[in-house]
């Protein structure tokens, strides 16, 4: 199984050096906190953003915490910056 990680803002690209990558070994189901920890193992510099981001799994927002997500082959996980409305 592979999961596609999408880092869609410039600051993430600067911190990780990649815009998108495929991650092959992702256990599922997995808590959103464990998924974030897996991303931090690959890209430790993302840790400075931990309190400012949410994850999006299949285009649905997932807070970093105890929520369990089930990933399928080819699912996209995005690191989403803080949102504001207006």
Protein backbone atom coordinates (compact mmCIF):
# COMPACT_ATOMS: atom_id res chain seq x y z
CA UNK A 1 0.00 0.00 0.00
CA UNK A 2 1.18 3.52 -0.66
CA UNK A 3 -0.14 6.85 0.55
CA UNK A 4 0.55 10.10 -1.26
CA UNK A 5 1.69 12.96 0.98
CA UNK A 6 0.79 16.37 -0.38
CA UNK A 7 2.53 19.49 0.95
CA UNK A 8 0.78 22.28 -0.87
CA UNK A 9 2.23 25.51 0.53
CA UNK A 10 5.65 27.01 0.05
CA UNK A 11 6.64 26.86 3.74
CA UNK A 12 6.11 23.08 3.77
CA UNK A 13 8.16 22.70 0.62
CA UNK A 14 10.93 24.78 2.21
CA UNK A 15 10.85 22.68 5.40
CA UNK A 16 10.77 19.29 3.68
CA UNK A 17 12.38 19.83 0.30
CA UNK A 18 9.49 18.02 -1.41
CA UNK A 19 6.08 19.02 -2.72
CA UNK A 20 4.65 15.52 -2.92
CA UNK A 21 5.89 12.03 -2.16
CA UNK A 22 4.61 8.49 -1.88
CA UNK A 23 4.95 6.77 1.49
CA UNK A 24 4.87 3.00 1.24
CA UNK A 25 4.77 1.59 4.76
CA UNK A 26 1.74 3.07 6.50
CA UNK A 27 -0.15 0.89 8.98
CA UNK A 28 -3.92 1.13 8.83
CA UNK A 29 -6.05 1.89 10.70
CA UNK A 30 -3.85 4.53 12.31
CA UNK A 31 -4.55 7.42 14.67
CA UNK A 32 -4.07 10.88 13.23
CA UNK A 33 -1.41 11.50 15.91
CA UNK A 34 0.52 8.39 14.84
CA UNK A 35 0.18 9.44 11.21
CA UNK A 36 1.59 12.88 12.09
CA UNK A 37 4.43 11.17 14.00
CA UNK A 38 5.21 9.07 10.92
CA UNK A 39 5.38 12.27 8.84
CA UNK A 40 7.66 13.86 11.45
CA UNK A 41 10.02 10.88 11.27
CA UNK A 42 10.39 11.55 7.55
CA UNK A 43 10.42 15.35 7.88
CA UNK A 44 11.42 16.45 11.41
CA UNK A 45 11.40 20.14 10.46
CA UNK A 46 7.59 20.00 10.21
CA UNK A 47 7.45 19.80 14.03
CA UNK A 48 7.51 23.61 14.28
CA UNK A 49 4.05 23.63 12.67
CA UNK A 50 2.39 20.94 14.80
CA UNK A 51 0.05 23.28 16.67
CA UNK A 52 -0.90 25.16 13.51
CA UNK A 53 -1.94 22.48 11.03
CA UNK A 54 -4.53 19.80 10.44
CA UNK A 55 -4.34 16.81 8.17
CA UNK A 56 -6.69 16.14 5.29
CA UNK A 57 -7.33 12.51 4.44
CA UNK A 58 -9.22 12.01 1.18
CA UNK A 59 -10.05 15.75 1.32
CA UNK A 60 -11.65 15.52 4.80
CA UNK A 61 -10.08 17.48 7.66
CA UNK A 62 -8.66 15.43 10.51
CA UNK A 63 -7.34 17.08 13.67
CA UNK A 64 -4.03 15.73 14.94
CA UNK A 65 -5.02 13.62 17.94
CA UNK A 66 -6.78 10.38 18.80
CA UNK A 67 -9.05 10.19 15.74
CA UNK A 68 -8.52 6.89 13.92
CA UNK A 69 -8.32 6.94 10.14
CA UNK A 70 -8.36 4.01 7.76
CA UNK A 71 -6.16 4.53 4.72
CA UNK A 72 -6.53 2.78 1.41
CA UNK A 73 -4.01 2.22 -1.34
CA UNK A 74 -3.33 5.52 -3.12
CA UNK A 75 -5.11 7.75 -0.58
CA UNK A 76 -3.86 11.31 -0.35
CA UNK A 77 -2.86 12.83 2.98
CA UNK A 78 -2.34 16.58 2.94
CA UNK A 79 -0.81 18.82 5.59
CA UNK A 80 -3.16 21.81 5.67
CA UNK A 81 -2.13 25.26 6.91
CA UNK A 82 -4.28 27.30 9.31
CA UNK A 83 -7.56 28.33 7.73
CA UNK A 84 -9.31 31.66 8.03
CA UNK A 85 -12.64 32.80 6.75
CA UNK A 86 -14.09 36.07 5.74
